[in-house]
N, C-alpha and C. Protein backbone atom coordinates (compact mmCIF):
# COMPACT_ATOMS: atom_id res chain seq x y z
N MET A 1 46.68 -58.39 46.41
CA MET A 1 45.80 -58.23 44.93
C MET A 1 44.21 -57.38 45.27
N ARG A 2 43.80 -57.73 46.60
CA ARG A 2 42.50 -57.52 47.02
C ARG A 2 42.99 -55.87 47.48
N ALA A 3 44.22 -55.74 48.54
CA ALA A 3 44.09 -54.03 48.69
C ALA A 3 44.86 -53.38 48.02
N SER A 4 45.22 -53.84 46.58
CA SER A 4 45.68 -52.80 45.32
C SER A 4 44.53 -52.92 44.87
N ALA A 5 44.05 -53.61 44.63
CA ALA A 5 42.18 -53.42 43.80
C ALA A 5 41.63 -52.29 44.38
N SER A 6 41.66 -52.22 46.04
CA SER A 6 41.03 -51.71 46.66
C SER A 6 40.92 -50.03 47.00
N LYS A 7 42.50 -50.06 47.37
CA LYS A 7 43.04 -48.65 46.87
C LYS A 7 43.08 -48.45 45.42
N SER A 8 43.06 -48.95 43.95
CA SER A 8 42.88 -48.42 43.24
C SER A 8 41.32 -47.45 43.01
N VAL A 9 40.09 -48.55 43.49
CA VAL A 9 38.74 -48.25 43.55
C VAL A 9 38.67 -46.94 44.17
N ARG A 10 39.02 -46.79 45.07
CA ARG A 10 38.79 -45.29 45.63
C ARG A 10 39.56 -43.53 45.22
N VAL A 11 40.91 -44.45 44.58
CA VAL A 11 40.96 -43.07 43.97
C VAL A 11 40.50 -42.65 42.34
N ARG A 12 39.63 -43.47 42.00
CA ARG A 12 38.90 -43.32 41.08
C ARG A 12 37.60 -42.83 41.72
N ILE A 13 37.26 -43.16 43.03
CA ILE A 13 35.57 -42.90 43.14
C ILE A 13 35.70 -41.48 44.20
N VAL A 14 36.92 -40.91 44.72
CA VAL A 14 36.95 -39.99 44.88
C VAL A 14 36.69 -38.75 44.43
N PRO A 15 37.35 -38.54 42.97
CA PRO A 15 37.39 -37.90 42.25
C PRO A 15 36.22 -37.59 41.92
N THR A 16 35.74 -38.71 41.34
CA THR A 16 34.40 -38.70 40.80
C THR A 16 33.36 -37.97 41.75
N ALA A 17 33.25 -37.88 42.49
CA ALA A 17 32.22 -37.41 43.67
C ALA A 17 32.47 -36.39 44.01
N PHE A 18 33.97 -35.42 43.81
CA PHE A 18 34.49 -34.55 44.13
C PHE A 18 33.56 -33.33 42.86
N LEU A 19 33.93 -33.74 41.49
CA LEU A 19 33.10 -33.14 40.43
C LEU A 19 32.05 -33.55 40.65
N VAL A 20 30.94 -34.08 41.00
CA VAL A 20 29.60 -34.22 41.34
C VAL A 20 29.40 -33.44 42.07
N LEU A 21 29.77 -33.59 42.83
CA LEU A 21 29.43 -31.70 44.06
C LEU A 21 29.87 -30.55 43.43
N TYR A 22 31.62 -30.57 43.04
CA TYR A 22 31.37 -29.33 42.08
C TYR A 22 30.62 -28.99 40.92
N SER A 23 30.39 -29.20 40.52
CA SER A 23 29.24 -29.01 39.33
C SER A 23 27.83 -29.10 40.04
N LEU A 24 27.23 -29.43 40.83
CA LEU A 24 25.84 -29.27 41.20
C LEU A 24 26.51 -27.71 42.32
N LEU A 25 27.13 -27.59 42.94
CA LEU A 25 27.70 -26.35 43.58
C LEU A 25 27.27 -25.03 42.56
N LEU A 26 28.18 -25.83 41.49
CA LEU A 26 28.32 -23.95 40.08
C LEU A 26 27.26 -24.06 39.73
N ALA A 27 26.11 -25.30 39.09
CA ALA A 27 25.07 -24.91 39.03
C ALA A 27 23.86 -24.02 39.58
N LEU A 28 24.28 -24.58 41.66
CA LEU A 28 23.37 -23.75 42.32
C LEU A 28 24.00 -22.24 41.98
N GLY A 29 25.29 -21.70 42.14
CA GLY A 29 25.78 -20.65 42.21
C GLY A 29 25.04 -19.83 41.16
N LEU A 30 24.72 -20.75 39.46
CA LEU A 30 24.78 -19.83 38.49
C LEU A 30 23.70 -19.67 38.59
N GLY A 31 22.69 -20.80 38.73
CA GLY A 31 21.16 -20.55 39.17
C GLY A 31 20.51 -19.15 40.26
N LEU A 32 21.32 -19.12 41.35
CA LEU A 32 20.44 -17.91 41.97
C LEU A 32 21.56 -16.63 41.38
N GLY A 33 22.52 -16.61 41.18
CA GLY A 33 22.95 -15.50 40.60
C GLY A 33 22.07 -15.10 38.89
N ALA A 34 21.52 -15.65 38.49
CA ALA A 34 20.72 -15.01 37.52
C ALA A 34 19.32 -14.59 37.69
N THR A 35 18.74 -16.09 39.19
CA THR A 35 17.98 -15.56 39.49
C THR A 35 17.81 -14.22 40.09
N TYR A 36 18.65 -14.11 40.46
CA TYR A 36 19.16 -12.39 41.44
C TYR A 36 18.93 -11.34 40.38
N LEU A 37 19.61 -11.47 39.57
CA LEU A 37 19.64 -10.68 38.32
C LEU A 37 18.28 -10.04 37.90
N VAL A 38 17.75 -11.63 37.57
CA VAL A 38 16.55 -11.36 36.74
C VAL A 38 15.62 -10.59 37.80
N LEU A 39 15.63 -10.61 38.99
CA LEU A 39 14.50 -9.79 39.95
C LEU A 39 14.65 -8.63 40.32
N LYS A 40 16.45 -7.96 39.84
CA LYS A 40 16.45 -6.88 40.01
C LYS A 40 16.78 -6.01 38.57
N GLY A 41 16.07 -6.63 37.53
CA GLY A 41 15.95 -6.06 36.65
C GLY A 41 14.38 -6.05 36.09
N ASP A 42 13.54 -5.58 34.76
CA ASP A 42 12.99 -5.72 33.61
C ASP A 42 12.59 -7.61 34.14
N PRO A 43 11.60 -8.17 33.39
CA PRO A 43 11.30 -9.12 32.90
C PRO A 43 12.08 -9.37 31.83
N PRO A 44 12.48 -10.57 31.67
CA PRO A 44 13.30 -10.78 30.34
C PRO A 44 12.77 -10.73 29.32
N PHE A 45 11.69 -11.34 29.20
CA PHE A 45 10.92 -11.97 27.66
C PHE A 45 9.28 -11.13 27.66
N GLY A 46 8.57 -11.01 26.83
CA GLY A 46 7.47 -10.43 26.46
C GLY A 46 7.36 -9.14 26.36
N SER A 47 8.01 -8.04 26.17
CA SER A 47 8.09 -6.70 25.89
C SER A 47 7.95 -6.27 25.04
N LEU A 48 7.03 -4.62 24.99
CA LEU A 48 6.96 -4.19 23.44
C LEU A 48 7.74 -2.96 23.89
N THR A 49 8.42 -2.27 22.63
CA THR A 49 9.19 -1.09 23.06
C THR A 49 8.91 -0.49 21.71
N LEU A 50 8.78 1.17 21.80
CA LEU A 50 7.99 2.13 20.95
C LEU A 50 8.85 3.20 21.21
N GLY A 51 9.60 2.88 20.62
CA GLY A 51 10.83 4.56 20.96
C GLY A 51 11.25 4.13 22.33
N PRO A 52 11.30 4.93 22.80
CA PRO A 52 12.07 4.86 24.47
C PRO A 52 10.80 4.33 25.51
N TRP A 53 10.05 3.89 24.94
CA TRP A 53 8.76 3.58 25.77
C TRP A 53 8.54 1.95 26.25
N LYS A 54 8.58 1.02 26.85
CA LYS A 54 8.74 -0.11 27.54
C LYS A 54 7.17 -0.56 28.47
N ALA A 55 6.86 -1.41 27.31
CA ALA A 55 5.46 -2.17 28.31
C ALA A 55 5.36 -4.16 28.25
N TRP A 56 4.80 -4.44 29.36
CA TRP A 56 5.06 -5.63 28.91
C TRP A 56 3.26 -6.38 29.33
N PRO A 57 2.83 -6.41 28.21
CA PRO A 57 1.29 -5.90 28.10
C PRO A 57 0.46 -7.43 29.24
N ASP A 58 1.34 -8.87 28.83
CA ASP A 58 0.94 -9.71 29.24
C ASP A 58 1.00 -9.58 31.15
N LEU A 59 1.75 -8.56 31.65
CA LEU A 59 2.06 -8.39 32.85
C LEU A 59 1.26 -8.59 34.10
N GLY A 60 -0.30 -7.97 33.25
CA GLY A 60 -0.76 -7.82 34.44
C GLY A 60 -2.20 -9.33 34.45
N SER A 61 -1.71 -10.07 33.40
CA SER A 61 -3.06 -11.01 32.71
C SER A 61 -2.12 -12.94 33.54
N THR A 62 -3.24 -13.63 33.32
CA THR A 62 -3.47 -14.77 33.90
C THR A 62 -2.40 -15.45 33.23
N SER A 63 -1.63 -14.92 31.88
CA SER A 63 -0.76 -15.60 30.97
C SER A 63 0.51 -14.88 31.25
N ALA A 64 1.04 -14.32 32.19
CA ALA A 64 2.18 -13.75 32.60
C ALA A 64 3.55 -14.80 33.23
N ASP A 65 4.02 -15.05 32.83
CA ASP A 65 5.37 -16.15 32.19
C ASP A 65 5.35 -16.41 34.37
N PRO A 66 6.80 -17.24 34.53
CA PRO A 66 7.05 -17.23 36.06
C PRO A 66 8.15 -15.79 36.23
N TYR A 67 8.92 -15.49 35.39
CA TYR A 67 9.98 -14.36 35.64
C TYR A 67 9.19 -13.37 35.54
N MET A 68 8.10 -12.94 35.05
CA MET A 68 7.21 -11.63 35.13
C MET A 68 5.86 -11.51 36.85
N ARG A 69 6.06 -12.83 36.97
CA ARG A 69 5.53 -12.98 38.56
C ARG A 69 6.16 -12.77 39.14
N ALA A 70 7.40 -13.33 39.34
CA ALA A 70 8.36 -12.98 40.03
C ALA A 70 9.50 -11.73 40.68
N VAL A 71 9.41 -11.48 39.26
CA VAL A 71 9.94 -9.93 39.25
C VAL A 71 8.24 -8.81 40.14
N ILE A 72 7.39 -9.15 40.23
CA ILE A 72 5.94 -8.86 40.63
C ILE A 72 6.75 -8.63 41.91
N ALA A 73 6.87 -9.81 42.45
CA ALA A 73 6.50 -10.72 43.56
C ALA A 73 7.62 -9.41 44.36
N GLN A 74 8.72 -9.47 43.93
CA GLN A 74 9.51 -8.56 44.06
C GLN A 74 9.73 -7.47 44.74
N ARG A 75 8.79 -6.95 43.88
CA ARG A 75 9.09 -5.30 43.55
C ARG A 75 8.14 -5.19 44.13
N GLY A 76 6.66 -5.68 44.50
CA GLY A 76 5.38 -5.56 45.49
C GLY A 76 4.41 -4.62 44.30
N ASP A 77 4.23 -4.52 43.13
CA ASP A 77 3.75 -4.42 42.44
C ASP A 77 2.66 -4.65 42.32
N VAL A 78 1.19 -3.78 41.73
CA VAL A 78 -0.18 -4.07 41.00
C VAL A 78 -0.23 -3.98 39.45
N PRO A 79 0.34 -4.28 38.63
CA PRO A 79 0.13 -4.32 37.38
C PRO A 79 -1.44 -3.88 37.56
N LEU A 80 -2.03 -3.21 36.06
CA LEU A 80 -2.68 -2.87 35.41
C LEU A 80 -3.30 -4.03 34.78
N ALA A 81 -4.36 -4.99 34.74
CA ALA A 81 -4.80 -6.21 33.79
C ALA A 81 -5.13 -5.27 32.73
N ILE A 82 -5.23 -6.58 32.17
CA ILE A 82 -5.86 -6.44 30.39
C ILE A 82 -6.59 -5.08 30.19
N GLY A 83 -7.72 -5.82 30.79
CA GLY A 83 -8.71 -4.77 30.85
C GLY A 83 -9.13 -3.49 31.67
N GLU A 84 -8.23 -2.76 31.93
CA GLU A 84 -7.76 -2.00 32.71
C GLU A 84 -6.79 -1.14 32.25
N GLY A 85 -6.13 -1.35 31.32
CA GLY A 85 -4.90 -0.85 30.44
C GLY A 85 -3.99 -1.47 30.45
N LEU A 86 -2.42 0.24 30.52
CA LEU A 86 -1.47 -0.95 29.86
C LEU A 86 0.14 0.52 30.63
N GLY A 87 0.91 -0.24 31.52
CA GLY A 87 1.78 1.37 31.81
C GLY A 87 3.12 0.85 31.12
N PHE A 88 3.60 2.11 30.56
CA PHE A 88 4.87 2.40 30.00
C PHE A 88 6.09 2.37 30.30
N THR A 89 6.81 2.25 30.55
CA THR A 89 7.97 3.01 31.51
C THR A 89 9.29 3.63 30.26
N ALA A 90 9.79 4.87 30.65
CA ALA A 90 11.06 4.81 29.57
C ALA A 90 12.19 5.32 30.57
N THR A 91 13.75 4.85 30.23
CA THR A 91 14.49 5.28 30.89
C THR A 91 15.58 5.68 30.18
N THR A 92 15.18 5.99 28.88
CA THR A 92 16.28 7.19 27.98
C THR A 92 15.15 8.02 27.66
N ASP A 93 15.70 8.40 26.73
CA ASP A 93 15.06 9.77 26.21
C ASP A 93 14.91 9.50 24.56
N SER A 94 14.35 10.17 24.19
CA SER A 94 14.39 10.07 22.43
C SER A 94 15.66 8.71 21.67
N ASP A 95 16.32 9.33 22.15
CA ASP A 95 17.57 9.45 21.09
C ASP A 95 18.77 8.01 22.00
N GLY A 96 18.22 7.80 22.88
CA GLY A 96 18.79 6.53 23.45
C GLY A 96 19.30 6.67 24.93
N ARG A 97 19.51 7.75 24.97
CA ARG A 97 20.47 8.27 26.34
C ARG A 97 19.75 8.09 27.84
N ALA A 98 20.57 7.47 28.41
CA ALA A 98 19.54 7.30 29.82
C ALA A 98 19.10 8.95 30.60
N LEU A 99 18.00 8.25 31.22
CA LEU A 99 17.53 10.10 31.90
C LEU A 99 18.34 10.77 33.19
N ASP A 100 18.80 11.73 33.00
CA ASP A 100 19.59 12.02 34.27
C ASP A 100 19.04 13.33 34.72
N SER A 101 19.33 13.34 36.01
CA SER A 101 18.29 14.13 36.46
C SER A 101 19.30 15.92 36.70
N ALA A 102 20.56 15.86 35.72
CA ALA A 102 21.74 17.27 35.66
C ALA A 102 21.35 17.52 34.21
N CYS A 103 19.93 16.89 33.20
CA CYS A 103 19.32 17.30 32.45
C CYS A 103 17.87 18.49 32.30
N VAL A 104 17.82 18.80 31.29
CA VAL A 104 16.57 19.14 30.98
C VAL A 104 15.67 18.45 29.93
N TYR A 105 14.61 18.53 30.06
CA TYR A 105 13.75 17.17 29.26
C TYR A 105 12.37 17.88 28.67
N ARG A 106 11.76 17.77 27.18
CA ARG A 106 10.60 18.28 26.66
C ARG A 106 9.95 17.19 26.45
N VAL A 107 9.06 16.35 26.53
CA VAL A 107 7.91 15.59 26.82
C VAL A 107 6.55 15.90 26.32
N GLY A 108 6.55 15.56 25.17
CA GLY A 108 5.33 15.55 24.04
C GLY A 108 5.36 15.20 23.10
N ALA A 109 4.34 15.50 22.31
CA ALA A 109 2.83 16.09 22.29
C ALA A 109 1.98 15.29 22.28
N ASP A 110 2.26 14.19 22.43
CA ASP A 110 0.65 13.43 21.97
C ASP A 110 1.08 12.16 22.76
N VAL A 111 -0.24 11.40 22.99
CA VAL A 111 -0.69 10.17 23.96
C VAL A 111 -1.80 9.28 23.15
N PRO A 112 -1.51 8.25 22.82
CA PRO A 112 -2.40 6.90 22.08
C PRO A 112 -3.66 7.25 22.92
N ALA A 113 -5.20 6.87 22.33
CA ALA A 113 -6.36 7.48 22.80
C ALA A 113 -6.44 6.15 24.17
N ALA A 114 -7.02 7.48 24.97
CA ALA A 114 -7.20 6.27 26.50
C ALA A 114 -8.24 7.23 26.71
N ARG A 115 -9.04 6.40 28.06
CA ARG A 115 -10.35 7.55 28.58
C ARG A 115 -9.23 8.34 29.64
N LEU A 116 -8.50 7.81 30.55
CA LEU A 116 -7.59 8.79 31.22
C LEU A 116 -5.85 8.06 31.73
N TRP A 117 -4.94 8.67 31.61
CA TRP A 117 -3.82 7.91 31.35
C TRP A 117 -2.71 9.65 32.76
N THR A 118 -2.01 8.88 33.13
CA THR A 118 -1.34 9.65 34.31
C THR A 118 0.29 9.57 33.70
N PHE A 119 1.28 10.41 33.93
CA PHE A 119 2.57 10.45 33.46
C PHE A 119 3.09 10.71 35.12
N SER A 120 3.82 9.94 35.60
CA SER A 120 4.39 9.95 36.55
C SER A 120 6.52 9.68 36.67
N VAL A 121 7.16 10.06 37.30
CA VAL A 121 8.65 10.27 37.47
C VAL A 121 8.77 9.58 39.27
N TYR A 122 10.25 8.60 38.75
CA TYR A 122 10.43 8.04 39.79
C TYR A 122 11.51 8.21 39.79
N GLY A 123 12.70 7.60 40.86
CA GLY A 123 13.49 7.86 41.30
C GLY A 123 14.70 6.51 40.83
N GLN A 124 15.51 6.64 40.72
CA GLN A 124 16.53 5.57 40.68
C GLN A 124 16.16 4.13 41.60
N ASP A 125 15.44 5.02 42.46
CA ASP A 125 14.85 3.78 43.95
C ASP A 125 14.00 2.61 43.65
N ASP A 126 13.20 3.40 42.36
CA ASP A 126 11.76 3.03 41.71
C ASP A 126 10.92 3.49 42.46
N ARG A 127 10.72 4.47 43.11
CA ARG A 127 10.01 4.54 43.68
C ARG A 127 9.55 6.47 43.03
N LEU A 128 7.90 6.82 43.21
CA LEU A 128 7.94 8.09 43.61
C LEU A 128 8.82 9.32 43.72
N ILE A 129 9.46 10.19 42.87
CA ILE A 129 10.07 11.12 43.84
C ILE A 129 9.01 12.37 44.53
N ARG A 130 10.18 12.47 45.38
CA ARG A 130 9.89 13.79 46.58
C ARG A 130 10.17 15.10 46.27
N THR A 131 9.30 15.89 45.96
CA THR A 131 10.49 17.17 45.62
C THR A 131 9.63 18.07 46.62
N GLU A 132 10.30 19.65 46.13
CA GLU A 132 9.81 20.35 47.35
C GLU A 132 7.89 20.70 47.44
N LEU A 133 7.87 20.77 45.90
CA LEU A 133 6.55 20.82 45.15
C LEU A 133 5.79 19.87 46.11
N GLY A 134 5.71 18.55 46.13
CA GLY A 134 4.93 17.90 46.27
C GLY A 134 4.24 16.93 45.40
N ARG A 135 5.32 17.15 44.11
CA ARG A 135 4.48 16.60 42.96
C ARG A 135 5.35 15.68 42.44
N SER A 136 5.30 14.28 41.77
CA SER A 136 5.49 13.52 41.18
C SER A 136 5.25 13.47 39.43
N GLY A 137 3.67 14.03 39.46
CA GLY A 137 3.19 13.75 38.30
C GLY A 137 2.04 14.74 37.78
N PHE A 138 1.23 14.35 36.73
CA PHE A 138 0.33 14.77 35.99
C PHE A 138 -0.98 13.44 35.86
N THR A 139 -2.25 13.86 35.69
CA THR A 139 -2.86 12.86 35.29
C THR A 139 -3.68 14.28 33.80
N SER A 140 -3.96 13.18 32.78
CA SER A 140 -4.67 13.66 31.56
C SER A 140 -5.08 14.79 32.23
N ALA A 141 -6.51 14.95 33.17
CA ALA A 141 -7.19 16.38 33.31
C ALA A 141 -6.35 17.44 33.57
N GLU A 142 -5.31 17.63 34.15
CA GLU A 142 -4.59 18.34 34.91
C GLU A 142 -3.73 19.37 33.92
N LEU A 143 -3.47 18.85 32.78
CA LEU A 143 -2.42 19.34 31.77
C LEU A 143 -3.06 20.63 30.83
N LEU A 144 -2.25 21.54 31.01
CA LEU A 144 -2.09 22.60 30.29
C LEU A 144 -1.93 21.98 28.51
N ARG A 145 -3.17 22.67 27.43
CA ARG A 145 -2.01 22.69 26.02
C ARG A 145 -3.06 23.36 25.28
N ASP A 146 -2.32 23.18 24.03
CA ASP A 146 -2.26 24.27 22.95
C ASP A 146 -3.43 23.99 22.44
N GLY A 147 -3.81 25.32 21.08
CA GLY A 147 -5.25 25.36 20.98
C GLY A 147 -5.13 23.55 19.98
N GLU A 148 -4.44 22.97 19.68
CA GLU A 148 -4.62 21.35 18.93
C GLU A 148 -4.52 20.54 19.79
N ASP A 149 -4.88 20.97 21.54
CA ASP A 149 -4.92 19.77 22.73
C ASP A 149 -3.81 18.60 22.81
N ARG A 150 -2.26 19.70 22.27
CA ARG A 150 -1.15 18.90 22.49
C ARG A 150 -1.13 19.66 23.83
N PHE A 151 0.62 18.60 24.32
CA PHE A 151 0.65 19.14 25.88
C PHE A 151 2.68 19.16 25.19
N THR A 152 3.11 20.04 26.86
CA THR A 152 4.43 19.55 27.13
C THR A 152 4.59 19.75 27.97
N ILE A 153 5.27 18.05 28.42
CA ILE A 153 5.42 18.23 29.88
C ILE A 153 7.70 18.76 30.15
N VAL A 154 7.55 20.04 31.00
CA VAL A 154 9.09 19.73 31.23
C VAL A 154 9.80 19.12 32.49
N LEU A 155 11.12 18.89 31.88
CA LEU A 155 11.09 17.98 33.49
C LEU A 155 13.13 18.45 33.41
N SER A 156 13.06 19.20 35.04
CA SER A 156 14.14 19.87 35.09
C SER A 156 14.34 19.66 36.60
N ARG A 157 14.98 20.48 36.74
CA ARG A 157 15.87 20.85 38.73
C ARG A 157 15.34 22.39 38.49
N GLY A 158 14.69 22.92 38.52
CA GLY A 158 15.15 24.14 37.56
C GLY A 158 13.64 24.67 38.20
N LEU A 159 13.11 25.60 38.18
CA LEU A 159 11.30 25.82 38.00
C LEU A 159 11.26 26.42 36.53
N GLN A 160 10.36 25.96 36.14
CA GLN A 160 10.42 26.33 34.42
C GLN A 160 8.40 26.52 34.34
N ASP A 161 8.30 26.92 33.06
CA ASP A 161 7.28 27.58 33.45
C ASP A 161 6.30 26.50 32.46
N GLY A 162 4.88 26.75 32.62
CA GLY A 162 3.76 25.07 31.83
C GLY A 162 3.44 24.25 32.93
N ASN A 163 3.75 23.12 32.19
CA ASN A 163 4.01 21.57 32.61
C ASN A 163 4.74 21.25 33.15
N TRP A 164 5.26 20.77 34.58
CA TRP A 164 7.07 21.33 35.09
C TRP A 164 6.63 20.62 36.24
N LEU A 165 7.66 19.19 35.90
CA LEU A 165 7.58 18.40 37.51
C LEU A 165 9.31 18.65 37.37
N GLN A 166 9.13 18.89 38.69
CA GLN A 166 10.95 18.58 39.26
C GLN A 166 11.56 17.45 39.46
N LEU A 167 12.88 17.38 38.90
CA LEU A 167 13.28 16.41 39.27
C LEU A 167 14.24 16.27 40.48
N PRO A 168 15.14 15.13 40.84
CA PRO A 168 15.70 14.95 42.05
C PRO A 168 17.03 15.54 41.67
N PRO A 169 17.89 15.99 42.87
CA PRO A 169 18.90 16.85 42.72
C PRO A 169 20.04 16.49 41.75
N SER A 170 19.82 15.12 42.19
CA SER A 170 21.10 13.80 41.01
C SER A 170 20.43 12.84 40.50
N GLY A 171 21.73 12.10 39.82
CA GLY A 171 20.76 10.35 39.97
C GLY A 171 20.14 10.62 38.51
N ARG A 172 20.05 9.30 38.12
CA ARG A 172 19.10 8.25 37.28
C ARG A 172 17.51 8.47 37.74
N PHE A 173 16.57 8.90 36.72
CA PHE A 173 14.83 8.68 37.16
C PHE A 173 14.64 7.70 35.68
N SER A 174 13.45 7.23 35.73
CA SER A 174 12.36 6.90 34.75
C SER A 174 11.32 7.22 34.52
N ILE A 175 10.32 7.29 33.68
CA ILE A 175 8.92 7.92 32.93
C ILE A 175 8.07 7.12 33.36
N VAL A 176 7.30 6.44 33.89
CA VAL A 176 5.64 5.46 33.90
C VAL A 176 4.79 6.12 33.52
N LEU A 177 4.39 5.86 32.34
CA LEU A 177 2.93 6.24 31.43
C LEU A 177 1.66 5.64 31.60
N ARG A 178 0.94 5.49 32.35
CA ARG A 178 0.28 4.79 32.59
C ARG A 178 -1.48 4.92 31.78
N LEU A 179 -1.99 4.05 30.35
CA LEU A 179 -2.65 4.36 29.90
C LEU A 179 -4.54 3.43 30.75
N TYR A 180 -5.03 4.18 31.15
CA TYR A 180 -6.26 3.54 31.32
C TYR A 180 -7.51 3.43 30.57
N ASP A 181 -7.50 2.24 30.21
CA ASP A 181 -9.64 2.10 29.48
C ASP A 181 -8.62 2.21 27.80
N THR A 182 -7.90 2.03 27.64
CA THR A 182 -7.63 1.92 25.63
C THR A 182 -7.64 0.92 25.27
N PRO A 183 -7.70 1.23 23.97
CA PRO A 183 -7.78 0.34 22.84
C PRO A 183 -6.95 -0.73 23.04
N GLY A 184 -5.51 0.00 23.34
CA GLY A 184 -4.62 -0.62 22.93
C GLY A 184 -3.68 -1.37 24.36
N ALA A 185 -4.88 -1.87 25.24
CA ALA A 185 -4.77 -2.37 25.99
C ALA A 185 -3.37 -3.60 26.26
N ALA A 186 -3.68 -4.65 24.80
CA ALA A 186 -3.51 -5.92 24.80
C ALA A 186 -1.89 -5.66 24.04
N GLY A 187 -1.80 -4.25 23.96
CA GLY A 187 -0.25 -3.98 23.30
C GLY A 187 -0.64 -4.51 21.38
N THR A 188 -1.30 -4.55 21.31
CA THR A 188 -1.75 -4.01 19.92
C THR A 188 -2.12 -2.96 18.81
N GLY A 189 -2.63 -2.84 17.65
CA GLY A 189 -2.39 -1.67 17.17
C GLY A 189 -1.86 0.06 17.66
N LEU A 190 -0.77 -0.04 18.55
CA LEU A 190 0.24 0.96 18.89
C LEU A 190 1.11 1.23 18.19
N SER A 191 1.35 2.71 18.26
CA SER A 191 2.64 2.96 17.43
C SER A 191 3.39 3.90 17.73
N GLU A 192 4.92 4.51 17.31
CA GLU A 192 5.89 5.17 18.03
C GLU A 192 5.31 6.32 17.89
N SER A 193 4.56 6.77 17.07
CA SER A 193 4.12 7.90 16.67
C SER A 193 3.17 8.56 17.21
N THR A 194 2.67 8.32 17.84
CA THR A 194 1.69 8.40 19.16
C THR A 194 1.83 8.22 20.36
N PHE A 195 3.22 8.28 20.67
CA PHE A 195 3.91 8.26 21.73
C PHE A 195 4.52 9.75 22.01
N PRO A 196 4.52 10.05 23.33
CA PRO A 196 5.60 11.77 23.87
C PRO A 196 6.59 11.05 23.35
N ALA A 197 7.17 12.13 22.58
CA ALA A 197 8.59 12.08 22.34
C ALA A 197 9.80 12.95 23.63
N ILE A 198 10.63 12.58 24.01
CA ILE A 198 11.54 13.01 24.81
C ILE A 198 12.72 13.01 24.71
N GLN A 199 12.51 14.57 24.77
CA GLN A 199 13.84 15.13 23.77
C GLN A 199 14.58 15.83 25.27
N ARG A 200 16.28 15.52 24.62
CA ARG A 200 16.94 16.36 26.62
C ARG A 200 17.22 18.15 25.33
N MET A 201 17.51 18.42 26.66
CA MET A 201 17.47 20.40 26.42
C MET A 201 19.10 20.69 26.62
N GLU A 202 19.35 20.39 27.88
CA GLU A 202 20.54 20.59 27.93
C GLU A 202 20.93 20.02 29.19
N CYS A 203 22.06 20.30 29.46
CA CYS A 203 22.68 19.27 30.86
C CYS A 203 23.76 20.49 31.56
N GLY A 204 23.22 20.33 32.89
CA GLY A 204 24.23 21.20 33.66
C GLY A 204 25.33 20.25 34.56
N ALA A 205 25.68 20.81 35.92
CA ALA A 205 26.61 19.75 36.19
C ALA A 205 26.14 19.01 37.09
């Protein structure tokens, strides 16, 4: 009877231990996979979206959540503090289509109030693009403007008149608009109508 009972106990313990080990490994795999996806993308919480432009007002503050801090550490970025300004990123045009170097874009004509702002183009590797002219962006002080102080920036692979930035030969890209010393640094009081529209004009091969 004792041998039979012992054998019965063993039969019950082995499957239980296996299920516990399987559950732990599954949880570990799901956790690592979710962490990898978060670090490769944008912070999942706390975003502010205005048309194609997206920002995370708490990114440079002490109230940034663990996901934001992990993304910052992984990218090696130094975000603007709330007292300094706010950075916005666009990966689509105003109609929601992904930005593509094969297309021509017109961006303008207004920007929220700020002492200074910069407009930069990044490649699909999240680095500033390298072009033949050695220029990857503008500051608000460099732009040509019309009589109403409005501007237009053209993004394309081929040469254009006026405010022009050359796009890489192929691939996706993103635009980063940084507002320095702006009343909307905390993400309040901003509206889509004060941000530059991103219009896709035409696309080549």
